[in-house]
Amino acid sequence: MKVHGLRRVPVVVVTLATVALLAGCGSDDGAGGRGSDAGTEDPAKGTSAGKAGGGQLDAAGLESVAVTEADLPGYTFTVFKQGTVLGTKGKPADPATCQPMEDIRLRSPEPAPTAAAARSVHPKTDTKATDITLYAYGKAADAEELIARVRDAAKSCTSYEDDMGLNPTVAALPDPDPGPADDAFAYRRESSGTAHWYRVVRSGSNVAVFGWQSLVAHKNAGDAPEEVITAQLEKLTTKTSTD
């Protein structure tokens, strides 16, 4: 994988400053967020095999349920710094009812998670990337609130001004099959001929957000990267249901 002209390596861990660059380069969007000073948690300092005090996943535990090259051997990975927060809020969305979708785009969801992890993957034979962001919450009610906020916003907001001064349109999509998870919602954000597709999935007290993009005119626009989504959800639900 090539990052800023460097040599190809199997997995690259990049700082949140790079996340900010990825969010601003090549498109107006993406599931990428703005950088923050969130730190990386040392797994050796965790409280019991990746669990925080109340039993929920901490940063190291959440990273352990994120897909890796062993789960998707035909993909190239860029792994972003883990922590409690991955992004920061920008200029408020106008109208404010659309803010939950901006929060997803900038990786700064409400309610705030107890831990977060992110990566971008793309097939070694293709450049179409899928961004994966995982959020852990202390209780399922908070995870339920997050997906409810995004669902309500996408159904009531058709267009808004984002923090970059752009005016994307938004459309809620039919609810996808959550598979082994509990709930799933999907929506499309479109701007300047490019569509950004999102799938938000809740599994217990954890939420996975998948994002990818395509040209609106592309014949396969909107095709979901099901192999990636399935691999991530199976790993997330299997690990958390057995712990």
Protein backbone atom coordinates (compact mmCIF):
# COMPACT_ATOMS: atom_id res chain seq x y z
CA MET A 1 0.00 0.00 0.00
CA LYS A 2 1.40 3.40 -0.89
CA VAL A 3 1.01 6.28 1.56
CA HIS A 4 2.29 9.69 0.48
CA GLY A 5 4.69 8.10 -1.99
CA LEU A 6 6.27 5.71 0.50
CA ARG A 7 6.98 2.02 -0.15
CA ARG A 8 4.19 -0.56 -0.06
CA VAL A 9 3.73 -2.23 3.34
CA PRO A 10 1.06 -4.67 4.58
CA VAL A 11 -0.47 -2.49 7.28
CA VAL A 12 0.16 1.15 8.10
CA VAL A 13 -0.84 2.88 11.32
CA VAL A 14 -1.38 6.56 10.62
CA THR A 15 -2.00 9.49 12.91
CA LEU A 16 -5.21 11.44 13.15
CA ALA A 17 -3.58 14.26 11.20
CA THR A 18 -3.57 11.88 8.24
CA VAL A 19 -7.23 11.16 8.83
CA ALA A 20 -7.92 14.87 8.42
CA LEU A 21 -5.98 14.94 5.16
CA LEU A 22 -7.89 11.92 3.86
CA ALA A 23 -11.19 13.59 4.70
CA GLY A 24 -10.27 16.64 2.67
CA CYS A 25 -8.51 15.06 -0.30
CA GLY A 26 -10.10 13.70 -3.42
CA SER A 27 -13.69 14.40 -2.41
CA ASP A 28 -15.83 16.59 -0.24
CA ASP A 29 -16.66 13.71 2.00
CA GLY A 30 -15.96 10.15 2.99
CA ALA A 31 -16.41 8.49 6.33
CA GLY A 32 -13.12 10.09 7.40
CA GLY A 33 -13.05 12.66 10.17
CA ARG A 34 -10.98 15.59 11.39
CA GLY A 35 -7.92 15.01 13.49
CA SER A 36 -7.87 15.22 17.27
CA ASP A 37 -5.40 14.72 20.06
CA ALA A 38 -6.98 11.48 21.23
CA GLY A 39 -4.31 9.12 22.50
CA THR A 40 -3.70 5.45 21.89
CA GLU A 41 -4.51 3.16 24.76
CA ASP A 42 -1.85 0.67 25.79
CA PRO A 43 -3.40 -2.82 25.79
CA ALA A 44 -1.10 -3.80 28.65
CA LYS A 45 -2.81 -1.18 30.82
CA GLY A 46 -6.35 -2.37 30.02
CA THR A 47 -8.51 -3.84 32.76
CA SER A 48 -9.32 -7.38 31.73
CA ALA A 49 -8.62 -8.53 28.20
CA GLY A 50 -9.81 -5.45 26.43
CA LYS A 51 -12.76 -4.67 28.69
CA ALA A 52 -13.26 -1.39 30.52
CA GLY A 53 -14.60 -1.10 34.06
CA GLY A 54 -18.29 -1.66 33.27
CA GLY A 55 -17.70 -4.63 30.96
CA GLN A 56 -17.83 -2.63 27.73
CA LEU A 57 -15.00 -2.77 25.23
CA ASP A 58 -12.13 -0.35 25.76
CA ALA A 59 -9.93 0.96 22.93
CA ALA A 60 -7.70 -2.12 22.85
CA GLY A 61 -10.68 -4.46 23.06
CA LEU A 62 -12.47 -2.67 20.23
CA GLU A 63 -9.34 -2.86 18.10
CA SER A 64 -9.28 -6.62 18.72
CA VAL A 65 -12.71 -7.02 17.08
CA ALA A 66 -11.83 -4.90 14.04
CA VAL A 67 -11.08 -6.73 10.80
CA THR A 68 -7.47 -7.35 9.86
CA GLU A 69 -5.63 -8.75 6.86
CA ALA A 70 -6.17 -12.23 8.28
CA ASP A 71 -9.93 -11.68 7.92
CA LEU A 72 -9.68 -10.09 4.46
CA PRO A 73 -6.45 -11.40 2.89
CA GLY A 74 -7.22 -9.89 -0.50
CA TYR A 75 -7.34 -6.35 0.87
CA THR A 76 -4.90 -3.59 1.67
CA PHE A 77 -5.36 -1.89 5.04
CA THR A 78 -4.75 1.58 6.42
CA VAL A 79 -5.33 1.51 10.18
CA PHE A 80 -6.05 4.79 11.95
CA LYS A 81 -5.07 5.63 15.50
CA GLN A 82 -7.46 4.24 18.09
CA GLY A 83 -8.75 6.01 21.17
CA THR A 84 -11.87 7.45 22.73
CA VAL A 85 -12.52 10.10 20.06
CA LEU A 86 -11.41 10.02 16.42
CA GLY A 87 -12.71 13.35 15.14
CA THR A 88 -13.88 16.81 16.08
CA LYS A 89 -16.97 18.78 15.18
CA GLY A 90 -16.72 21.53 12.59
CA LYS A 91 -19.12 24.29 11.67
CA PRO A 92 -22.67 23.27 12.69
CA ALA A 93 -24.85 21.83 9.95
CA ASP A 94 -27.60 24.07 8.60
CA PRO A 95 -30.35 23.11 9.31
CA ALA A 96 -29.42 21.66 12.68
CA THR A 97 -31.64 18.61 12.14
CA CYS A 98 -28.98 17.32 9.73
CA GLN A 99 -26.19 17.45 12.34
CA PRO A 100 -26.14 13.69 13.10
CA MET A 101 -25.02 12.98 9.53
CA GLU A 102 -22.22 15.53 9.82
CA ASP A 103 -21.23 13.87 13.08
CA ILE A 104 -20.93 10.54 11.29
CA ARG A 105 -18.89 12.10 8.48
CA LEU A 106 -16.52 13.78 10.95
CA ARG A 107 -16.30 10.77 13.29
CA SER A 108 -17.70 12.71 16.23
CA PRO A 109 -20.99 10.94 17.03
CA GLU A 110 -23.45 11.71 19.78
CA PRO A 111 -23.69 10.16 22.27
CA ALA A 112 -19.90 10.09 22.56
CA PRO A 113 -18.47 6.56 22.62
CA THR A 114 -16.28 5.09 25.32
CA ALA A 115 -13.86 3.82 22.65
CA ALA A 116 -13.39 4.10 18.89
CA ALA A 117 -11.32 2.46 16.16
CA ALA A 118 -11.10 3.05 12.41
CA ARG A 119 -9.53 1.71 9.26
CA SER A 120 -9.84 1.95 5.49
CA VAL A 121 -9.62 -1.15 3.30
CA HIS A 122 -9.62 -1.72 -0.44
CA PRO A 123 -9.13 -4.76 -2.65
CA LYS A 124 -5.56 -5.25 -3.83
CA THR A 125 -6.94 -5.38 -7.37
CA ASP A 126 -9.03 -2.20 -7.02
CA THR A 127 -8.87 1.27 -5.49
CA LYS A 128 -12.46 1.37 -4.22
CA ALA A 129 -12.04 1.82 -0.49
CA THR A 130 -14.41 1.10 2.36
CA ASP A 131 -14.01 3.09 5.56
CA ILE A 132 -14.89 1.24 8.76
CA THR A 133 -15.40 3.00 12.08
CA LEU A 134 -16.26 1.13 15.27
CA TYR A 135 -17.74 2.72 18.39
CA ALA A 136 -18.12 1.07 21.79
CA TYR A 137 -20.64 2.29 24.36
CA GLY A 138 -21.13 1.54 28.02
CA LYS A 139 -24.73 0.46 27.44
CA ALA A 140 -26.88 -0.63 24.52
CA ALA A 141 -29.23 2.34 25.01
CA ASP A 142 -26.48 4.75 23.93
CA ALA A 143 -25.77 2.72 20.79
CA GLU A 144 -29.51 2.65 20.08
CA GLU A 145 -29.67 6.42 20.49
CA LEU A 146 -26.86 6.95 17.98
CA ILE A 147 -28.50 4.93 15.21
CA ALA A 148 -31.90 6.48 16.00
CA ARG A 149 -30.46 10.01 15.70
CA VAL A 150 -28.92 9.23 12.31
CA ARG A 151 -32.06 7.47 11.06
CA ASP A 152 -34.33 10.37 12.09
CA ALA A 153 -31.98 12.95 10.57
CA ALA A 154 -31.66 11.17 7.22
CA LYS A 155 -35.44 10.78 6.96
CA SER A 156 -36.18 14.43 7.74
CA CYS A 157 -33.21 16.15 6.06
CA THR A 158 -33.03 16.32 2.26
CA SER A 159 -30.25 18.90 1.89
CA TYR A 160 -28.03 20.96 4.16
CA GLU A 161 -24.93 23.13 4.32
CA ASP A 162 -21.99 21.26 5.78
CA ASP A 163 -18.93 22.63 7.56
CA MET A 164 -17.13 23.11 4.23
CA GLY A 165 -19.89 25.30 2.81
CA LEU A 166 -21.13 22.59 0.45
CA ASN A 167 -24.78 21.69 0.02
CA PRO A 168 -25.09 17.91 -0.30
CA THR A 169 -28.41 16.19 -0.77
CA VAL A 170 -29.38 13.31 1.48
CA ALA A 171 -31.65 10.32 0.96
CA ALA A 172 -32.58 7.58 3.40
CA LEU A 173 -32.32 4.10 1.86
CA PRO A 174 -34.25 0.91 2.63
CA ASP A 175 -33.01 -0.67 5.85
CA PRO A 176 -30.38 -3.29 4.99
CA ASP A 177 -30.33 -6.73 6.55
CA PRO A 178 -28.35 -6.35 9.81
CA GLY A 179 -27.09 -9.93 9.46
CA PRO A 180 -25.78 -11.15 12.83
CA ALA A 181 -26.21 -7.68 14.34
CA ASP A 182 -29.34 -6.10 15.87
CA ASP A 183 -30.22 -3.12 13.69
CA ALA A 184 -29.02 -1.40 10.52
CA PHE A 185 -29.74 1.80 8.65
CA ALA A 186 -28.41 3.15 5.35
CA TYR A 187 -28.39 6.52 3.61
CA ARG A 188 -26.74 8.35 0.71
CA ARG A 189 -25.06 11.75 0.73
CA GLU A 190 -24.57 13.24 -2.74
CA SER A 191 -22.55 16.25 -3.86
CA SER A 192 -21.02 17.36 -7.18
CA GLY A 193 -21.75 14.09 -8.97
CA THR A 194 -20.27 11.90 -6.26
CA ALA A 195 -22.37 9.76 -3.94
CA HIS A 196 -21.19 8.80 -0.48
CA TRP A 197 -22.93 5.74 0.91
CA TYR A 198 -23.25 4.92 4.59
CA ARG A 199 -24.42 1.90 6.54
CA VAL A 200 -24.76 2.24 10.32
CA VAL A 201 -25.12 -1.07 12.17
CA ARG A 202 -25.73 -1.70 15.87
CA SER A 203 -24.68 -4.87 17.66
CA GLY A 204 -25.52 -4.68 21.35
CA SER A 205 -23.66 -1.72 22.80
CA ASN A 206 -21.38 -1.37 19.76
CA VAL A 207 -21.88 0.46 16.46
CA ALA A 208 -20.12 -0.10 13.15
CA VAL A 209 -20.21 2.59 10.45
CA PHE A 210 -19.30 1.63 6.88
CA GLY A 211 -18.72 4.30 4.24
CA TRP A 212 -17.80 4.15 0.54
CA GLN A 213 -18.22 6.37 -2.49
CA SER A 214 -18.88 6.19 -6.21
CA LEU A 215 -19.72 8.41 -9.13
CA VAL A 216 -23.48 8.90 -9.36
CA ALA A 217 -23.39 7.98 -13.05
CA HIS A 218 -21.49 4.72 -12.46
CA LYS A 219 -23.54 1.68 -13.43
CA ASN A 220 -22.74 0.00 -10.11
CA ALA A 221 -23.21 3.10 -7.99
CA GLY A 222 -24.32 2.15 -4.52
CA ASP A 223 -23.20 -1.46 -4.63
CA ALA A 224 -22.31 -2.28 -1.04
CA PRO A 225 -18.96 -3.93 -0.22
CA GLU A 226 -20.78 -6.90 1.31
CA GLU A 227 -17.67 -9.03 1.78
CA VAL A 228 -16.12 -6.34 3.98
CA ILE A 229 -19.33 -5.63 5.88
CA THR A 230 -20.00 -9.33 6.51
CA ALA A 231 -16.46 -10.02 7.72
CA GLN A 232 -16.53 -7.10 10.14
CA LEU A 233 -19.98 -7.82 11.55
CA GLU A 234 -19.26 -11.52 12.03
CA LYS A 235 -16.08 -10.73 13.93
CA LEU A 236 -17.70 -8.01 16.02
CA THR A 237 -20.78 -10.03 16.97
CA THR A 238 -18.94 -13.29 17.57
CA LYS A 239 -16.36 -11.69 19.85
CA THR A 240 -18.78 -9.58 21.87
CA SER A 241 -21.38 -12.34 22.26
CA THR A 242 -18.84 -14.77 23.72
CA ASP A 243 -17.14 -12.35 26.13
